[in-house]
Amino acid sequence: MKRKILFYFSQMFLIQHMSVSALTCHSTEYKIGNECCPMCSAGNRVKTDCTEFRSTSCLPCADGTYMENPTGKKQCNPCTICDKGSGLRLKIKCSRSSDTVCEALEGYFCIDFVKGSCDAAKKHSSCKPGQYISKAGTSLSDTECSECSRGTFSNGSLTLCQPHTQCKELNLQLVKEGTTSTDAECGEKNIYVAAAVGISVY
């Protein structure tokens, strides 16, 4: 008789243990022990878990924290800070239910996006002397540079190469030929006055 009772209790324990381990909660619930508790809605966190007699107790996320999805967590996530030192600035402020959205600073472009927010930015490239800006940099792309053609020049900051100054057309003398990075240098023409010298022989 005692063996039958022991066997009965051991079977009951095994069934209960299996039912707890095999417990599957709904997508709007989270598992605590042998209970499926209702999740807290986005923008909130769990204060106390549910029991057999009461439902989950929730609290709004504190300032500087957020929770974007329904959750069974007891802590909200910290809001991302847009770091100026990383070339970032604030685009959309963090709310209780969504994280901060960052964007690239003026003169920078984003090199890493995470969930629609810029996570890292890099300064736009500078064109070298002899090159012109063929495509200006944006918040999403770097500056593109192209080489100046012969007879034109740029110091690297121009959007189009400029033609060399034509000294002859200005009635000036060419002092130094232009390169792809510098303009031609002109100067006044040297005027030689021939003086006729008369010698009288007596």
Protein backbone atom coordinates (compact mmCIF):
# COMPACT_ATOMS: atom_id res chain seq x y z
CA MET A 1 0.00 0.00 0.00
CA LYS A 2 2.82 2.37 0.95
CA ARG A 3 4.54 1.62 -2.34
CA LYS A 4 1.36 2.53 -4.26
CA ILE A 5 1.06 5.85 -2.39
CA LEU A 6 4.75 6.71 -3.02
CA PHE A 7 4.37 5.82 -6.68
CA TYR A 8 1.25 8.02 -6.91
CA PHE A 9 3.00 11.07 -5.39
CA SER A 10 6.11 10.59 -7.53
CA GLN A 11 3.92 10.45 -10.65
CA MET A 12 2.06 13.60 -9.58
CA PHE A 13 5.37 15.43 -9.00
CA LEU A 14 6.63 14.34 -12.40
CA ILE A 15 3.45 15.50 -14.14
CA GLN A 16 3.57 18.88 -12.37
CA HIS A 17 7.25 19.32 -13.21
CA MET A 18 6.64 18.46 -16.86
CA SER A 19 3.67 20.81 -17.08
CA VAL A 20 5.77 23.70 -15.69
CA SER A 21 8.72 23.06 -18.00
CA ALA A 22 6.42 22.61 -21.00
CA LEU A 23 4.42 25.76 -20.19
CA THR A 24 4.03 27.89 -23.31
CA CYS A 25 2.80 31.46 -22.93
CA HIS A 26 0.93 33.63 -25.43
CA SER A 27 2.96 36.22 -27.39
CA THR A 28 1.48 38.96 -25.17
CA GLU A 29 2.55 37.14 -21.98
CA TYR A 30 5.82 36.26 -20.26
CA LYS A 31 6.67 33.23 -18.16
CA ILE A 32 7.34 33.45 -14.40
CA GLY A 33 7.59 30.06 -12.67
CA ASN A 34 4.41 28.22 -13.58
CA GLU A 35 2.50 31.38 -14.43
CA CYS A 36 1.99 33.23 -17.72
CA CYS A 37 1.83 36.94 -16.85
CA PRO A 38 0.45 39.69 -19.10
CA MET A 39 3.24 41.88 -20.52
CA CYS A 40 3.38 45.61 -19.84
CA SER A 41 2.67 47.77 -22.89
CA ALA A 42 5.33 49.74 -24.77
CA GLY A 43 6.60 52.69 -22.74
CA ASN A 44 6.20 50.76 -19.49
CA ARG A 45 8.07 48.20 -17.38
CA VAL A 46 7.05 45.51 -14.90
CA LYS A 47 6.78 46.68 -11.28
CA THR A 48 5.59 43.34 -9.86
CA ASP A 49 4.93 40.01 -11.58
CA CYS A 50 1.47 38.53 -11.64
CA THR A 51 0.38 35.79 -9.23
CA GLU A 52 -2.50 33.36 -9.16
CA PHE A 53 -4.60 36.11 -7.59
CA ARG A 54 -3.47 39.37 -9.26
CA SER A 55 -2.31 40.63 -12.66
CA THR A 56 1.04 42.17 -13.60
CA SER A 57 1.68 45.62 -12.14
CA CYS A 58 3.37 48.12 -14.52
CA LEU A 59 5.14 51.50 -14.26
CA PRO A 60 5.91 54.09 -16.97
CA CYS A 61 9.55 54.31 -18.09
CA ALA A 62 11.45 57.08 -16.30
CA ASP A 63 12.97 60.07 -18.13
CA GLY A 64 16.02 59.03 -20.13
CA THR A 65 14.73 55.47 -20.64
CA TYR A 66 12.37 53.78 -23.08
CA MET A 67 10.67 50.48 -23.95
CA GLU A 68 9.61 50.16 -27.59
CA ASN A 69 7.77 46.82 -27.35
CA PRO A 70 5.46 45.09 -24.85
CA THR A 71 7.70 43.55 -22.20
CA GLY A 72 8.12 41.40 -19.11
CA LYS A 73 11.30 43.25 -18.12
CA LYS A 74 11.62 45.19 -14.87
CA GLN A 75 14.00 47.82 -16.34
CA CYS A 76 13.54 50.13 -19.33
CA ASN A 77 16.38 50.65 -21.82
CA PRO A 78 18.60 53.75 -21.49
CA CYS A 79 18.11 56.34 -24.26
CA THR A 80 20.95 56.67 -26.78
CA ILE A 81 22.99 59.89 -26.54
CA CYS A 82 24.03 61.54 -29.83
CA ASP A 83 27.76 62.15 -29.32
CA LYS A 84 29.11 65.29 -31.03
CA GLY A 85 32.60 63.82 -30.75
CA SER A 86 31.43 61.01 -33.04
CA GLY A 87 30.00 63.48 -35.57
CA LEU A 88 26.39 63.05 -34.42
CA ARG A 89 23.54 65.36 -33.45
CA LEU A 90 19.98 64.90 -32.20
CA LYS A 91 17.30 64.40 -34.86
CA ILE A 92 14.38 63.02 -32.81
CA LYS A 93 14.27 63.11 -29.01
CA CYS A 94 13.87 59.87 -27.04
CA SER A 95 10.35 59.13 -25.79
CA ARG A 96 8.99 56.52 -23.35
CA SER A 97 8.27 54.16 -26.26
CA SER A 98 11.09 54.96 -28.74
CA ASP A 99 14.84 55.52 -28.64
CA THR A 100 16.65 58.69 -29.69
CA VAL A 101 17.23 59.13 -33.43
CA CYS A 102 20.64 60.62 -34.31
CA GLU A 103 21.89 62.10 -37.60
CA ALA A 104 25.27 63.23 -38.95
CA LEU A 105 26.52 66.71 -38.09
CA GLU A 106 26.92 69.32 -40.85
CA GLY A 107 30.07 68.38 -42.77
CA TYR A 108 29.78 64.69 -41.83
CA PHE A 109 28.11 61.63 -43.37
CA CYS A 110 26.67 58.54 -41.70
CA ILE A 111 28.68 55.30 -42.02
CA ASP A 112 26.57 53.08 -39.74
CA PHE A 113 22.78 52.94 -39.39
CA VAL A 114 21.02 51.06 -36.57
CA LYS A 115 17.20 50.92 -36.69
CA GLY A 116 16.97 54.11 -38.75
CA SER A 117 19.33 56.08 -36.51
CA CYS A 118 22.91 57.08 -37.36
CA ASP A 119 25.27 55.25 -35.01
CA ALA A 120 28.59 56.55 -36.42
CA ALA A 121 29.55 59.37 -38.78
CA LYS A 122 32.69 60.45 -40.62
CA LYS A 123 33.86 63.89 -41.78
CA HIS A 124 33.47 64.65 -45.49
CA SER A 125 36.66 64.19 -47.52
CA SER A 126 38.44 67.32 -48.78
CA CYS A 127 39.43 67.52 -52.43
CA LYS A 128 43.13 68.10 -53.11
CA PRO A 129 44.59 71.01 -55.12
CA GLY A 130 44.21 70.04 -58.77
CA GLN A 131 40.79 68.49 -58.07
CA TYR A 132 37.28 69.92 -57.97
CA ILE A 133 34.17 68.84 -56.03
CA SER A 134 32.23 66.81 -58.60
CA LYS A 135 29.58 65.79 -56.05
CA ALA A 136 29.05 67.57 -52.75
CA GLY A 137 28.90 65.44 -49.62
CA THR A 138 25.54 64.88 -47.91
CA SER A 139 24.49 63.44 -44.56
CA LEU A 140 24.43 60.02 -46.26
CA SER A 141 27.39 60.17 -48.68
CA ASP A 142 30.97 61.41 -48.87
CA THR A 143 32.26 64.18 -51.13
CA GLU A 144 33.38 63.04 -54.59
CA CYS A 145 36.41 64.64 -56.28
CA SER A 146 37.55 64.72 -59.92
CA GLU A 147 40.78 65.85 -61.59
CA CYS A 148 40.99 69.18 -63.41
CA SER A 149 41.63 68.97 -67.15
CA ARG A 150 44.59 70.65 -68.87
CA GLY A 151 44.26 74.42 -69.06
CA THR A 152 42.15 74.63 -65.89
CA PHE A 153 42.88 74.76 -62.17
CA SER A 154 41.30 74.40 -58.71
CA ASN A 155 42.60 74.69 -55.15
CA GLY A 156 40.33 71.80 -54.11
CA SER A 157 37.44 73.89 -52.79
CA LEU A 158 35.79 74.67 -56.16
CA THR A 159 32.84 72.88 -57.71
CA LEU A 160 34.25 73.55 -61.21
CA CYS A 161 37.83 73.98 -62.39
CA GLN A 162 38.56 77.52 -63.62
CA PRO A 163 40.34 78.23 -66.92
CA HIS A 164 43.83 79.70 -66.69
CA THR A 165 44.07 83.46 -67.19
CA GLN A 166 45.11 84.21 -70.77
CA CYS A 167 47.83 86.86 -70.36
CA LYS A 168 47.98 87.71 -74.08
CA GLU A 169 44.29 88.59 -74.14
CA LEU A 170 44.93 91.08 -71.33
CA ASN A 171 47.94 92.51 -73.19
CA LEU A 172 50.16 91.17 -70.41
CA GLN A 173 53.23 89.01 -70.36
CA LEU A 174 53.13 85.41 -69.05
CA VAL A 175 55.33 85.25 -65.94
CA LYS A 176 54.50 81.75 -64.76
CA GLU A 177 52.47 79.04 -66.49
CA GLY A 178 49.38 77.75 -64.75
CA THR A 179 49.06 74.23 -63.36
CA THR A 180 46.02 72.16 -62.41
CA SER A 181 46.24 73.68 -58.91
CA THR A 182 47.33 77.27 -59.65
CA ASP A 183 46.38 79.99 -62.12
CA ALA A 184 48.81 81.48 -64.64
CA GLU A 185 50.72 84.56 -63.45
CA CYS A 186 50.87 87.62 -65.66
CA GLY A 187 53.01 90.76 -65.56
CA GLU A 188 53.49 94.02 -67.39
CA LYS A 189 55.30 93.75 -70.76
CA ASN A 190 58.88 95.03 -70.84
CA ILE A 191 59.10 98.03 -73.18
CA TYR A 192 62.51 98.64 -74.69
CA VAL A 193 63.09 102.11 -76.05
CA ALA A 194 65.84 102.23 -78.61
CA ALA A 195 67.80 105.46 -78.39
CA ALA A 196 69.58 106.61 -81.51
CA VAL A 197 72.99 108.09 -80.79
CA GLY A 198 74.48 110.45 -83.41
CA ILE A 199 78.29 110.85 -83.56
CA SER A 200 79.71 113.86 -85.33
CA VAL A 201 83.26 113.65 -86.72
CA TYR A 202 85.07 116.89 -87.43
